[in-house]
N, C-alpha and C. Protein backbone atom coordinates (compact mmCIF):
# COMPACT_ATOMS: atom_id res chain seq x y z
N GLU A 1 -1.92 18.37 -1.92
CA GLU A 1 -0.75 18.49 -1.53
C GLU A 1 -0.21 19.49 -0.39
N ARG A 2 -1.03 20.59 -0.33
CA ARG A 2 -0.82 21.54 0.69
C ARG A 2 -1.17 20.89 1.95
N ALA A 3 -2.16 20.26 1.95
CA ALA A 3 -2.66 19.49 3.34
C ALA A 3 -1.77 18.47 3.74
N LEU A 4 -1.26 17.79 2.82
CA LEU A 4 -0.08 16.68 3.43
C LEU A 4 1.07 17.54 4.16
N ARG A 5 1.45 18.58 3.19
CA ARG A 5 2.82 19.17 3.93
C ARG A 5 2.45 20.11 5.11
N ALA A 6 1.25 20.43 5.33
CA ALA A 6 0.84 21.05 6.45
C ALA A 6 1.02 19.95 7.58
N ALA A 7 0.59 18.67 7.33
CA ALA A 7 0.62 17.59 8.30
C ALA A 7 2.15 17.26 8.53
N GLY A 8 3.23 17.64 7.85
CA GLY A 8 4.50 17.07 8.08
C GLY A 8 4.89 16.15 7.23
N VAL A 9 3.97 15.97 6.04
CA VAL A 9 4.38 14.86 5.15
C VAL A 9 5.15 15.43 3.76
N ARG A 10 6.15 14.82 3.28
CA ARG A 10 6.87 15.30 2.25
C ARG A 10 6.16 14.47 0.94
N PRO A 11 5.12 14.63 0.19
CA PRO A 11 4.83 14.15 -1.01
C PRO A 11 5.65 14.13 -1.75
N LEU A 12 5.84 13.07 -2.53
CA LEU A 12 6.84 12.64 -3.85
C LEU A 12 5.91 12.30 -5.09
N PHE A 13 5.98 13.04 -6.00
CA PHE A 13 4.84 12.66 -7.00
C PHE A 13 5.63 12.30 -8.23
N VAL A 14 5.00 11.29 -8.90
CA VAL A 14 5.49 10.89 -10.63
C VAL A 14 4.23 11.11 -11.48
N ARG A 15 3.96 11.98 -12.37
CA ARG A 15 3.25 12.63 -13.20
C ARG A 15 3.33 11.52 -14.25
N ASP A 16 2.05 10.98 -15.05
CA ASP A 16 1.69 10.26 -16.10
C ASP A 16 1.10 10.69 -17.35
N ALA A 17 1.55 11.50 -18.01
CA ALA A 17 0.96 12.37 -18.99
C ALA A 17 -0.47 11.41 -19.82
N GLU A 18 -0.06 10.02 -19.70
CA GLU A 18 -1.03 9.37 -20.51
C GLU A 18 -2.23 8.59 -19.85
N ALA A 19 -2.02 8.49 -18.59
CA ALA A 19 -3.09 7.93 -17.76
C ALA A 19 -3.77 8.82 -16.52
N ALA A 20 -4.94 8.67 -16.40
CA ALA A 20 -5.46 9.35 -15.46
C ALA A 20 -4.87 8.97 -14.08
N THR A 21 -5.40 9.92 -13.27
CA THR A 21 -4.73 9.49 -11.74
C THR A 21 -5.97 8.60 -11.14
N ALA A 22 -5.38 7.70 -10.43
CA ALA A 22 -6.22 6.86 -9.56
C ALA A 22 -7.35 7.58 -8.90
N THR A 23 -8.39 6.91 -8.88
CA THR A 23 -9.65 7.32 -8.23
C THR A 23 -9.91 6.25 -7.19
N VAL A 24 -10.43 6.80 -5.65
CA VAL A 24 -10.83 5.82 -5.07
C VAL A 24 -12.15 6.63 -4.01
N ILE A 25 -13.10 5.75 -4.15
CA ILE A 25 -14.34 6.17 -3.27
C ILE A 25 -14.31 5.49 -2.02
N ALA A 26 -14.29 6.30 -1.09
CA ALA A 26 -14.25 5.44 0.37
C ALA A 26 -15.69 5.49 1.00
N LEU A 27 -15.99 4.28 1.18
CA LEU A 27 -17.58 4.02 1.93
C LEU A 27 -17.18 3.56 3.36
N VAL A 28 -17.73 4.38 4.24
CA VAL A 28 -17.26 4.08 5.83
C VAL A 28 -18.75 3.70 6.37
N ASP A 29 -18.84 2.57 7.15
CA ASP A 29 -20.29 2.24 7.78
C ASP A 29 -20.20 2.56 9.33
N ALA A 30 -21.39 2.54 9.59
CA ALA A 30 -21.51 3.16 11.18
C ALA A 30 -20.22 2.56 12.14
N SER A 31 -19.79 1.13 11.84
CA SER A 31 -18.75 0.84 12.85
C SER A 31 -17.46 1.27 12.32
N ALA A 32 -17.26 2.26 11.78
CA ALA A 32 -16.26 2.99 11.21
C ALA A 32 -15.20 1.72 9.98
N GLU A 33 -16.12 0.83 9.69
CA GLU A 33 -15.33 -0.28 8.66
C GLU A 33 -15.15 0.57 7.50
N ARG A 34 -14.55 0.48 6.63
CA ARG A 34 -14.01 1.10 5.48
C ARG A 34 -13.96 -0.18 4.23
N THR A 35 -14.51 0.52 3.32
CA THR A 35 -14.93 -0.25 1.82
C THR A 35 -14.03 0.62 0.87
N PHE A 36 -13.45 0.34 -0.25
CA PHE A 36 -12.89 1.19 -1.19
C PHE A 36 -13.52 0.93 -2.60
N LEU A 37 -13.87 1.69 -3.38
CA LEU A 37 -14.40 1.48 -4.81
C LEU A 37 -13.18 2.05 -5.68
N THR A 38 -11.99 1.31 -6.27
CA THR A 38 -10.93 1.66 -6.70
C THR A 38 -10.73 1.74 -8.34
N ASP A 39 -10.30 2.69 -9.03
CA ASP A 39 -9.95 2.78 -10.24
C ASP A 39 -8.35 3.23 -10.45
N SER A 40 -7.53 2.15 -10.38
CA SER A 40 -5.96 2.52 -9.97
C SER A 40 -5.54 3.45 -11.08
N GLY A 41 -5.92 3.68 -12.16
CA GLY A 41 -5.40 4.55 -13.13
C GLY A 41 -3.90 4.20 -13.24
N ALA A 42 -3.27 5.54 -13.33
CA ALA A 42 -1.88 5.66 -13.51
C ALA A 42 -0.80 4.79 -12.26
N ALA A 43 -1.41 4.77 -11.01
CA ALA A 43 -0.79 4.26 -10.15
C ALA A 43 -0.01 2.72 -10.70
N LEU A 44 -0.78 2.00 -11.30
CA LEU A 44 -0.18 0.65 -11.76
C LEU A 44 0.52 0.68 -12.76
N ARG A 45 0.95 1.98 -13.23
CA ARG A 45 1.99 2.19 -14.49
C ARG A 45 3.36 2.60 -13.65
N LEU A 46 3.40 2.81 -12.33
CA LEU A 46 4.68 3.37 -11.35
C LEU A 46 5.73 1.91 -11.75
N SER A 47 6.64 2.40 -12.18
CA SER A 47 7.88 1.29 -12.62
C SER A 47 9.20 1.58 -11.62
N PRO A 48 9.79 0.70 -11.58
CA PRO A 48 11.16 0.95 -10.82
C PRO A 48 11.87 1.84 -11.18
N ALA A 49 11.89 2.40 -12.39
CA ALA A 49 12.51 3.70 -12.95
C ALA A 49 12.11 4.90 -12.16
N ASP A 50 11.06 4.66 -11.57
CA ASP A 50 10.36 5.63 -11.10
C ASP A 50 11.06 5.80 -9.38
N TRP A 51 11.72 4.61 -9.02
CA TRP A 51 12.22 4.63 -7.52
C TRP A 51 13.63 4.84 -7.74
N SER A 52 14.03 5.60 -6.52
CA SER A 52 15.26 5.67 -6.28
C SER A 52 15.60 5.71 -4.60
N PRO A 53 16.56 4.76 -4.25
CA PRO A 53 16.80 4.84 -2.60
C PRO A 53 16.85 6.30 -2.04
N GLY A 54 17.36 7.17 -2.65
CA GLY A 54 17.52 8.38 -2.30
C GLY A 54 16.29 9.20 -1.89
N LEU A 55 15.21 8.35 -2.07
CA LEU A 55 13.87 9.01 -1.87
C LEU A 55 13.73 8.77 -0.37
N LEU A 56 14.43 8.08 0.20
CA LEU A 56 14.28 7.87 1.59
C LEU A 56 14.99 8.78 2.55
N ASP A 57 15.77 9.56 1.91
CA ASP A 57 16.60 10.37 3.01
C ASP A 57 15.87 11.12 3.68
N GLY A 58 16.01 11.38 4.91
CA GLY A 58 15.15 12.01 5.97
C GLY A 58 13.96 11.58 6.24
N VAL A 59 13.54 10.40 5.88
CA VAL A 59 12.21 9.71 6.11
C VAL A 59 11.93 9.11 7.14
N ALA A 60 10.99 9.26 8.05
CA ALA A 60 10.79 8.47 9.26
C ALA A 60 10.00 7.04 8.95
N ARG A 61 9.21 7.05 8.07
CA ARG A 61 8.24 6.13 7.65
C ARG A 61 7.95 5.95 6.22
N LEU A 62 7.83 4.63 5.81
CA LEU A 62 7.57 4.75 4.42
C LEU A 62 6.46 3.93 4.54
N HIS A 63 5.17 4.53 4.09
CA HIS A 63 3.93 3.65 3.89
C HIS A 63 3.53 3.56 2.54
N LEU A 64 3.24 2.20 2.34
CA LEU A 64 2.75 1.69 1.01
C LEU A 64 1.44 1.42 1.02
N SER A 65 1.01 1.51 -0.05
CA SER A 65 -0.34 0.89 -0.40
C SER A 65 -0.36 -0.38 -0.84
N GLY A 66 -1.33 -1.35 -0.47
CA GLY A 66 -1.48 -2.64 -0.97
C GLY A 66 -1.51 -2.49 -2.51
N TYR A 67 -2.26 -1.79 -2.96
CA TYR A 67 -2.58 -1.76 -4.70
C TYR A 67 -1.22 -1.70 -4.99
N LEU A 68 -0.22 -1.37 -4.91
CA LEU A 68 0.97 -1.44 -5.49
C LEU A 68 1.64 -2.70 -5.57
N PHE A 69 1.42 -3.77 -4.95
CA PHE A 69 1.47 -5.00 -4.92
C PHE A 69 0.40 -5.86 -5.81
N PHE A 70 -0.72 -5.30 -6.22
CA PHE A 70 -1.19 -6.28 -7.34
C PHE A 70 -1.38 -6.32 -8.67
N ALA A 71 -0.09 -5.49 -9.12
CA ALA A 71 0.05 -5.70 -10.43
C ALA A 71 1.59 -5.51 -10.88
N GLY A 72 2.39 -6.09 -11.80
CA GLY A 72 3.48 -6.48 -11.90
C GLY A 72 4.54 -5.23 -12.06
N PRO A 73 4.23 -4.05 -12.58
CA PRO A 73 5.52 -3.22 -12.53
C PRO A 73 5.44 -2.50 -11.09
N SER A 74 4.23 -2.00 -10.78
CA SER A 74 4.05 -1.58 -9.68
C SER A 74 4.52 -2.56 -8.18
N ARG A 75 4.25 -3.71 -8.54
CA ARG A 75 4.66 -4.68 -7.40
C ARG A 75 6.33 -4.66 -7.21
N GLU A 76 6.96 -4.39 -8.26
CA GLU A 76 8.22 -4.57 -8.49
C GLU A 76 8.91 -3.38 -7.71
N THR A 77 8.34 -2.11 -8.06
CA THR A 77 8.50 -0.91 -7.51
C THR A 77 8.35 -1.14 -5.91
N ALA A 78 7.25 -1.29 -5.48
CA ALA A 78 6.96 -1.44 -3.98
C ALA A 78 7.95 -2.41 -3.27
N LEU A 79 8.36 -3.49 -4.01
CA LEU A 79 9.39 -4.24 -3.36
C LEU A 79 10.82 -3.81 -3.16
N ARG A 80 11.07 -3.21 -4.38
CA ARG A 80 12.52 -2.20 -4.16
C ARG A 80 12.30 -1.46 -2.98
N ALA A 81 11.30 -0.47 -2.82
CA ALA A 81 10.80 0.45 -1.98
C ALA A 81 11.13 -0.17 -0.56
N LEU A 82 10.27 -1.09 -0.43
CA LEU A 82 10.36 -1.84 0.96
C LEU A 82 11.69 -2.66 1.04
N ARG A 83 12.45 -3.17 0.28
CA ARG A 83 13.79 -3.60 0.55
C ARG A 83 14.73 -2.64 0.94
N ASP A 84 14.73 -1.32 0.25
CA ASP A 84 15.56 -0.42 0.51
C ASP A 84 15.34 0.37 1.78
N ALA A 85 14.01 0.50 2.23
CA ALA A 85 13.91 1.08 3.36
C ALA A 85 14.11 0.20 4.59
N THR A 86 13.98 -1.16 4.34
CA THR A 86 14.49 -1.96 5.38
C THR A 86 15.65 -2.12 5.74
N GLU A 87 16.69 -2.25 4.52
CA GLU A 87 18.03 -2.03 4.59
C GLU A 87 18.55 -0.67 5.29
N ALA A 88 17.79 0.43 5.13
CA ALA A 88 18.08 1.68 5.67
C ALA A 88 17.63 1.97 7.09
N GLY A 89 16.98 0.96 7.68
CA GLY A 89 16.47 1.07 8.95
C GLY A 89 15.20 2.05 9.14
N VAL A 90 14.54 2.25 8.01
CA VAL A 90 13.19 3.00 7.82
C VAL A 90 12.17 2.01 8.01
N PRO A 91 11.23 2.51 9.07
CA PRO A 91 10.05 1.47 9.12
C PRO A 91 9.09 1.52 7.92
N VAL A 92 8.74 0.46 7.58
CA VAL A 92 7.56 0.30 6.80
C VAL A 92 6.23 -0.19 7.27
N SER A 93 5.33 0.73 6.74
CA SER A 93 3.75 0.11 7.13
C SER A 93 3.19 -0.13 5.71
N VAL A 94 1.99 -1.10 5.84
CA VAL A 94 1.29 -1.34 4.50
C VAL A 94 -0.10 -1.48 4.94
N ASP A 95 -0.98 -0.64 3.91
CA ASP A 95 -2.41 -1.04 4.13
C ASP A 95 -2.87 -1.88 2.88
N PRO A 96 -3.22 -3.24 3.49
CA PRO A 96 -3.41 -4.22 2.34
C PRO A 96 -4.41 -3.60 1.26
N ALA A 97 -5.32 -2.76 1.53
CA ALA A 97 -6.04 -1.84 0.47
C ALA A 97 -7.36 -2.60 -0.11
N SER A 98 -7.37 -3.80 -0.34
CA SER A 98 -8.27 -4.62 -1.09
C SER A 98 -8.51 -5.97 -0.79
N ALA A 99 -9.33 -6.27 0.04
CA ALA A 99 -9.93 -7.71 0.13
C ALA A 99 -10.08 -8.53 -1.11
N GLY A 100 -10.74 -7.67 -2.04
CA GLY A 100 -10.91 -8.45 -3.41
C GLY A 100 -9.55 -8.87 -4.05
N PHE A 101 -8.85 -7.70 -3.83
CA PHE A 101 -7.31 -8.12 -5.12
C PHE A 101 -6.33 -8.97 -3.87
N LEU A 102 -6.65 -9.03 -2.60
CA LEU A 102 -5.83 -9.96 -1.98
C LEU A 102 -6.39 -11.31 -2.18
N ALA A 103 -7.76 -11.87 -2.39
CA ALA A 103 -8.03 -13.09 -2.89
C ALA A 103 -7.39 -13.45 -4.06
N VAL A 104 -7.54 -12.56 -4.80
CA VAL A 104 -6.96 -12.98 -6.26
C VAL A 104 -5.41 -12.96 -6.29
N LEU A 105 -4.87 -12.29 -5.68
CA LEU A 105 -3.23 -12.46 -5.55
C LEU A 105 -3.05 -13.61 -4.26
N GLY A 106 -3.45 -13.89 -3.37
CA GLY A 106 -3.40 -14.80 -2.37
C GLY A 106 -2.67 -14.36 -1.36
N ALA A 107 -3.00 -14.58 -0.11
CA ALA A 107 -2.68 -14.21 1.32
C ALA A 107 -1.09 -14.45 1.39
N ASP A 108 -0.77 -15.80 1.17
CA ASP A 108 0.45 -16.32 1.20
C ASP A 108 1.60 -15.42 0.38
N ARG A 109 1.14 -15.16 -0.92
CA ARG A 109 1.88 -14.14 -1.78
C ARG A 109 1.89 -13.15 -1.43
N PHE A 110 0.59 -12.20 -0.77
CA PHE A 110 0.83 -10.98 -0.38
C PHE A 110 1.67 -10.86 0.87
N LEU A 111 1.74 -11.64 1.66
CA LEU A 111 2.48 -11.66 3.00
C LEU A 111 3.93 -11.72 2.81
N ALA A 112 4.38 -12.82 1.79
CA ALA A 112 5.77 -12.93 1.41
C ALA A 112 6.23 -11.61 0.80
N ALA A 113 5.55 -10.72 0.05
CA ALA A 113 5.80 -9.54 -0.69
C ALA A 113 5.77 -8.58 0.19
N VAL A 114 5.26 -8.47 1.50
CA VAL A 114 5.19 -7.33 2.42
C VAL A 114 6.42 -7.92 3.53
N GLU A 115 6.92 -9.00 3.67
CA GLU A 115 7.69 -9.25 4.60
C GLU A 115 8.82 -8.11 4.90
N GLY A 116 9.04 -8.08 6.24
CA GLY A 116 9.93 -6.76 6.63
C GLY A 116 9.06 -5.53 6.81
N ALA A 117 8.00 -5.50 6.62
CA ALA A 117 7.19 -4.38 7.15
C ALA A 117 6.76 -4.39 8.33
N GLU A 118 6.84 -3.31 9.03
CA GLU A 118 6.71 -3.23 10.53
C GLU A 118 5.39 -3.37 10.83
N VAL A 119 4.36 -2.79 10.23
CA VAL A 119 2.95 -2.54 10.44
C VAL A 119 2.07 -2.92 9.24
N LEU A 120 0.99 -3.83 9.70
CA LEU A 120 0.07 -3.86 8.52
C LEU A 120 -1.10 -3.32 8.94
N LEU A 121 -2.00 -2.72 8.13
CA LEU A 121 -3.06 -1.90 8.50
C LEU A 121 -4.25 -2.80 7.73
N PRO A 122 -4.61 -3.79 8.02
CA PRO A 122 -5.90 -4.29 7.24
C PRO A 122 -7.23 -3.85 7.94
N ASN A 123 -8.43 -3.66 7.29
CA ASN A 123 -9.85 -3.69 7.72
C ASN A 123 -10.08 -5.10 8.04
N ALA A 124 -10.95 -5.13 8.59
CA ALA A 124 -11.77 -6.47 9.05
C ALA A 124 -11.73 -7.75 7.84
N ASP A 125 -12.13 -7.30 6.80
CA ASP A 125 -12.25 -8.07 5.74
C ASP A 125 -10.91 -8.77 5.03
N GLU A 126 -10.01 -7.75 5.22
CA GLU A 126 -8.75 -8.01 4.84
C GLU A 126 -7.64 -8.77 5.87
N ALA A 127 -8.22 -8.62 7.16
CA ALA A 127 -7.51 -9.46 7.98
C ALA A 127 -8.26 -10.77 7.87
N ARG A 128 -9.23 -11.13 7.88
CA ARG A 128 -9.86 -12.27 7.58
C ARG A 128 -9.14 -13.04 6.55
N GLY A 129 -9.24 -12.38 5.33
CA GLY A 129 -8.43 -12.76 4.10
C GLY A 129 -6.94 -13.30 4.35
N LEU A 130 -6.29 -12.49 5.27
CA LEU A 130 -4.89 -12.88 5.40
C LEU A 130 -4.46 -13.60 6.53
N THR A 131 -5.57 -14.10 7.26
CA THR A 131 -5.40 -15.04 8.26
C THR A 131 -6.22 -16.29 8.52
N GLY A 132 -7.44 -16.02 7.67
CA GLY A 132 -8.30 -17.06 7.47
C GLY A 132 -9.27 -17.06 8.58
N ARG A 133 -9.12 -16.40 9.55
CA ARG A 133 -9.88 -16.57 11.09
C ARG A 133 -11.13 -15.20 10.81
N ALA A 134 -12.18 -15.85 10.84
CA ALA A 134 -13.23 -15.25 10.92
C ALA A 134 -13.75 -14.32 11.74
N GLU A 135 -13.43 -14.37 12.88
CA GLU A 135 -13.76 -13.34 14.26
C GLU A 135 -12.83 -12.27 14.02
N PRO A 136 -12.96 -11.13 14.04
CA PRO A 136 -11.83 -10.25 13.74
C PRO A 136 -11.13 -9.95 15.17
N GLY A 137 -11.40 -10.00 15.94
CA GLY A 137 -10.37 -10.25 17.23
C GLY A 137 -9.39 -11.13 16.84
N ARG A 138 -9.55 -12.44 16.46
CA ARG A 138 -8.81 -13.29 16.17
C ARG A 138 -7.99 -13.02 14.86
N ALA A 139 -8.45 -12.49 13.90
CA ALA A 139 -7.82 -11.86 13.01
C ALA A 139 -6.72 -11.25 13.10
N ALA A 140 -6.81 -9.96 14.17
CA ALA A 140 -5.90 -9.16 14.44
C ALA A 140 -4.92 -9.61 14.73
């Protein structure tokens, strides 16, 4: 939390006493391509009751993890946050987060869900899954 605040980020937390915090192991290869091994933990329990449009007050950008779009309650929360940010003129960025989860959800469904986001930040595998183009430059 201190590192986020030092970087000018205002972190807002919801604590879940019944579920462990999410755990992510990041693997980065020599070309800087990243792969994540994920246990979503309490993150998938984020619900619309945890969201309020007032959380956008003073926000310069809303960044959403794609993991939020892969399960029902957290998807609904992410959709509300994205909609509220867009309506408030707050730019939104989304990191698709997982080529595997994208394949299960489907590119069309994911892209429809994140409509309104100004920036998508996929890695090469996610870009291929979202566009169907094998060559990274074309997928971008």
